Amino acid sequence: MSLELLLLFIPACFALNMAPGPNNLLSVSNATRFGFGVSCLAGIGRLVAFVGMIAIAASGLAVVLQTSAIAFTVIKVVGAMYLFYLAWQLWRAPVSQIPQDDNRSTSKNYSLWKLMRQEFMVAAGNPKAILIFTAFLPQFVNPSDAAAPQFLVLGSLFLVLEWIAIAAYAYMGAHLGKWFAVPERQRRFNRGCAALLGAAGCGLLLSRNSAAT
């Protein structure tokens, strides 16, 4: 793989990583409620989902999602329903009466495994994510060379840049948390995030698999 291709890939890929979306919204919300470190660790669930998607794209099996309307619809509906579930949970999430920084240091009312699972499910339930890997990554693969090593390099770079994006959104959420120490502000923020998650779910339901039509 040429250096020129890599120099084109990195900024384009990072733009995709930093684009607002359901997972990045979760990073902000988790950091606001539980702190920067917890939000970054929860993002591991997202990376695991992306590793699987990259492997599928590299093996060529992602063509199924591009050509099968049924497969696309099933993943789309399941992903949208999970986003609606998260939106409902976030809408009803309790708020703290103590300063946010103190709440992060003393609260045990969260499960890191559950937060990681949420990140995984949101990423895995979005068919647009795997279509990005199918349509985007192959543009930087030289067909005259072995595809697997190139996908390994491109996929690894994508995951590194995605981790940076996770940290960036978590950082923003952690600093917002200081301002949202007031319970009413926390409630409004949670419900705003819930509305955006619900809108993302609606977007999934309304999306179409153009390659299959």
Protein backbone atom coordinates (compact mmCIF):
# COMPACT_ATOMS: atom_id res chain seq x y z
CA MET A 1 0.00 0.00 0.00
CA SER A 2 1.43 3.34 -1.06
CA LEU A 3 2.08 6.23 1.26
CA GLU A 4 -0.09 8.44 -0.94
CA LEU A 5 -3.11 6.21 -0.34
CA LEU A 6 -2.52 6.21 3.40
CA LEU A 7 -2.27 10.00 3.45
CA LEU A 8 -5.63 10.15 1.71
CA PHE A 9 -7.17 7.48 3.90
CA ILE A 10 -6.30 8.86 7.33
CA PRO A 11 -8.06 12.28 7.14
CA ALA A 12 -11.06 10.85 5.29
CA CYS A 13 -11.37 8.04 7.83
CA PHE A 14 -11.03 10.37 10.81
CA ALA A 15 -13.82 12.54 9.41
CA LEU A 16 -16.07 9.47 9.47
CA ASN A 17 -14.96 8.61 13.01
CA MET A 18 -15.71 12.11 14.29
CA ALA A 19 -19.10 12.43 12.58
CA PRO A 20 -21.93 12.71 15.13
CA GLY A 21 -23.81 9.46 15.51
CA PRO A 22 -25.52 7.18 18.06
CA ASN A 23 -22.27 5.73 19.44
CA ASN A 24 -20.55 9.09 19.81
CA LEU A 25 -23.69 10.35 21.53
CA LEU A 26 -23.41 7.45 23.97
CA SER A 27 -19.80 8.44 24.71
CA VAL A 28 -20.92 11.96 25.62
CA SER A 29 -23.78 10.70 27.77
CA ASN A 30 -21.67 8.08 29.58
CA ALA A 31 -18.90 10.58 30.29
CA THR A 32 -21.39 13.09 31.62
CA ARG A 33 -22.85 10.54 34.03
CA PHE A 34 -19.88 8.32 34.90
CA GLY A 35 -16.71 10.16 33.90
CA PHE A 36 -14.11 10.22 31.13
CA GLY A 37 -12.40 6.91 31.95
CA VAL A 38 -15.59 4.87 32.17
CA SER A 39 -16.82 6.28 28.87
CA CYS A 40 -13.54 5.41 27.13
CA LEU A 41 -13.59 1.86 28.49
CA ALA A 42 -17.23 1.45 27.46
CA GLY A 43 -16.14 2.33 23.91
CA ILE A 44 -14.29 -1.01 23.76
CA GLY A 45 -17.66 -2.58 23.02
CA ARG A 46 -17.95 -0.44 19.91
CA LEU A 47 -14.46 -1.39 18.77
CA VAL A 48 -15.27 -5.09 19.16
CA ALA A 49 -18.31 -4.65 16.91
CA PHE A 50 -16.21 -2.81 14.33
CA VAL A 51 -13.56 -5.54 14.36
CA GLY A 52 -16.27 -8.00 13.37
CA MET A 53 -17.55 -5.70 10.64
CA ILE A 54 -14.07 -5.21 9.21
CA ALA A 55 -13.56 -8.97 9.17
CA ILE A 56 -16.85 -9.42 7.33
CA ALA A 57 -15.96 -6.73 4.82
CA ALA A 58 -12.54 -8.28 4.25
CA SER A 59 -14.05 -11.70 3.61
CA GLY A 60 -16.55 -10.33 1.13
CA LEU A 61 -19.59 -11.48 3.11
CA ALA A 62 -20.83 -7.91 3.47
CA VAL A 63 -22.15 -8.21 -0.08
CA VAL A 64 -25.12 -10.01 1.49
CA LEU A 65 -26.22 -6.80 3.19
CA GLN A 66 -25.85 -4.88 -0.05
CA THR A 67 -27.86 -7.32 -2.13
CA SER A 68 -30.38 -8.77 0.34
CA ALA A 69 -33.24 -6.50 1.30
CA ILE A 70 -34.37 -8.99 3.95
CA ALA A 71 -31.00 -9.09 5.75
CA PHE A 72 -30.72 -5.31 5.63
CA THR A 73 -34.26 -4.86 6.96
CA VAL A 74 -33.80 -7.30 9.85
CA ILE A 75 -30.61 -5.62 11.09
CA LYS A 76 -32.14 -2.20 10.56
CA VAL A 77 -35.27 -2.96 12.59
CA VAL A 78 -33.38 -4.67 15.44
CA GLY A 79 -30.91 -1.79 15.64
CA ALA A 80 -33.69 0.81 15.62
CA MET A 81 -35.63 -1.00 18.36
CA TYR A 82 -32.51 -1.09 20.55
CA LEU A 83 -31.98 2.65 20.03
CA PHE A 84 -35.58 3.27 21.06
CA TYR A 85 -35.01 1.16 24.17
CA LEU A 86 -31.90 3.17 25.08
CA ALA A 87 -33.78 6.41 24.45
CA TRP A 88 -36.56 5.31 26.84
CA GLN A 89 -34.04 4.31 29.50
CA LEU A 90 -32.17 7.60 29.17
CA TRP A 91 -35.39 9.60 29.26
CA ARG A 92 -36.28 8.00 32.58
CA ALA A 93 -32.71 8.02 33.97
CA PRO A 94 -32.49 9.36 37.56
CA VAL A 95 -30.41 12.45 38.26
CA SER A 96 -28.02 13.13 41.13
CA GLN A 97 -28.53 15.71 43.84
CA ILE A 98 -24.82 15.96 44.62
CA PRO A 99 -22.04 17.61 42.59
CA GLN A 100 -21.19 15.65 39.45
CA ASP A 101 -17.50 15.19 40.25
CA ASP A 102 -18.31 13.74 43.69
CA ASN A 103 -20.98 11.52 42.17
CA ARG A 104 -18.51 10.00 39.73
CA SER A 105 -16.01 9.20 42.44
CA THR A 106 -18.47 7.53 44.81
CA SER A 107 -21.26 6.08 42.67
CA LYS A 108 -21.24 2.33 42.05
CA ASN A 109 -24.63 2.32 40.36
CA TYR A 110 -23.34 1.39 36.94
CA SER A 111 -22.05 -1.69 35.21
CA LEU A 112 -19.08 -1.23 32.90
CA TRP A 113 -20.01 -4.48 31.19
CA LYS A 114 -23.52 -3.14 30.54
CA LEU A 115 -22.16 0.11 29.10
CA MET A 116 -19.78 -1.83 26.85
CA ARG A 117 -22.64 -4.04 25.73
CA GLN A 118 -24.71 -0.97 24.89
CA GLU A 119 -21.90 0.42 22.73
CA PHE A 120 -21.56 -2.96 21.01
CA MET A 121 -25.28 -3.29 20.31
CA VAL A 122 -25.66 0.22 18.95
CA ALA A 123 -22.70 -0.27 16.59
CA ALA A 124 -23.70 -3.79 15.53
CA GLY A 125 -27.32 -2.77 15.01
CA ASN A 126 -26.51 -0.03 12.52
CA PRO A 127 -26.38 -1.45 8.96
CA LYS A 128 -24.91 1.80 7.70
CA ALA A 129 -21.72 1.04 9.64
CA ILE A 130 -20.97 -2.17 7.77
CA LEU A 131 -21.93 -0.54 4.49
CA ILE A 132 -19.31 2.12 5.23
CA PHE A 133 -16.70 -0.60 5.64
CA THR A 134 -17.88 -2.22 2.42
CA ALA A 135 -17.96 0.94 0.34
CA PHE A 136 -15.20 2.99 1.96
CA LEU A 137 -12.31 0.68 2.82
CA PRO A 138 -12.10 -1.08 -0.58
CA GLN A 139 -11.41 2.26 -2.27
CA PHE A 140 -7.95 2.22 -0.68
CA VAL A 141 -7.14 -1.42 -1.48
CA ASN A 142 -4.77 -2.09 -4.36
CA PRO A 143 -6.37 -4.96 -6.35
CA SER A 144 -3.01 -6.08 -7.66
CA ASP A 145 -1.85 -7.03 -4.15
CA ALA A 146 -3.25 -9.37 -1.52
CA ALA A 147 -6.40 -7.84 -0.03
CA ALA A 148 -6.23 -9.33 3.49
CA PRO A 149 -3.02 -7.57 4.61
CA GLN A 150 -4.30 -4.29 3.25
CA PHE A 151 -7.61 -4.66 5.10
CA LEU A 152 -5.61 -5.43 8.23
CA VAL A 153 -3.67 -2.16 7.92
CA LEU A 154 -6.70 -0.08 7.01
CA GLY A 155 -8.85 -1.70 9.68
CA SER A 156 -6.21 -1.17 12.36
CA LEU A 157 -5.90 2.50 11.43
CA PHE A 158 -9.66 2.86 11.52
CA LEU A 159 -9.84 1.40 15.03
CA VAL A 160 -7.05 3.66 16.30
CA LEU A 161 -8.80 6.73 14.89
CA GLU A 162 -12.11 5.53 16.29
CA TRP A 163 -10.53 5.24 19.74
CA ILE A 164 -9.34 8.85 19.42
CA ALA A 165 -12.89 9.88 18.50
CA ILE A 166 -14.25 8.01 21.53
CA ALA A 167 -11.81 9.86 23.78
CA ALA A 168 -12.66 13.21 22.16
CA TYR A 169 -16.40 12.79 22.69
CA ALA A 170 -15.85 11.46 26.21
CA TYR A 171 -13.70 14.50 26.99
CA MET A 172 -16.47 16.79 25.83
CA GLY A 173 -18.98 14.87 27.92
CA ALA A 174 -16.79 14.98 31.03
CA HIS A 175 -16.49 18.74 30.81
CA LEU A 176 -20.17 19.16 30.15
CA GLY A 177 -20.73 17.13 33.30
CA LYS A 178 -19.27 19.93 35.43
CA TRP A 179 -21.85 22.34 34.07
CA PHE A 180 -24.64 19.78 34.44
CA ALA A 181 -24.14 19.34 38.18
CA VAL A 182 -27.59 20.91 38.61
CA PRO A 183 -30.11 18.02 38.58
CA GLU A 184 -32.56 19.82 36.28
CA ARG A 185 -29.81 20.42 33.73
CA GLN A 186 -28.89 16.74 33.90
CA ARG A 187 -32.50 15.79 33.29
CA ARG A 188 -32.80 18.09 30.29
CA PHE A 189 -29.54 16.83 28.84
CA ASN A 190 -30.53 13.18 29.30
CA ARG A 191 -33.85 13.79 27.62
CA GLY A 192 -32.18 15.72 24.82
CA CYS A 193 -29.85 12.77 24.24
CA ALA A 194 -32.83 10.44 24.41
CA ALA A 195 -34.58 12.47 21.71
CA LEU A 196 -31.49 12.29 19.50
CA LEU A 197 -31.20 8.53 20.03
CA GLY A 198 -34.85 8.16 19.12
CA ALA A 199 -34.29 10.27 16.02
CA ALA A 200 -31.35 8.04 15.09
CA GLY A 201 -33.63 5.01 15.45
CA CYS A 202 -36.18 6.63 13.17
CA GLY A 203 -33.40 7.35 10.69
CA LEU A 204 -32.48 3.67 10.66
CA LEU A 205 -36.07 2.65 10.01
CA LEU A 206 -36.38 5.12 7.16
CA SER A 207 -33.03 4.21 5.58
CA ARG A 208 -33.04 2.15 2.41
CA ASN A 209 -30.67 -0.40 0.99
CA SER A 210 -30.13 1.22 -2.39
CA ALA A 211 -27.98 -1.62 -3.64
CA ALA A 212 -30.81 -4.07 -3.09
CA THR A 213 -33.53 -2.02 -4.81
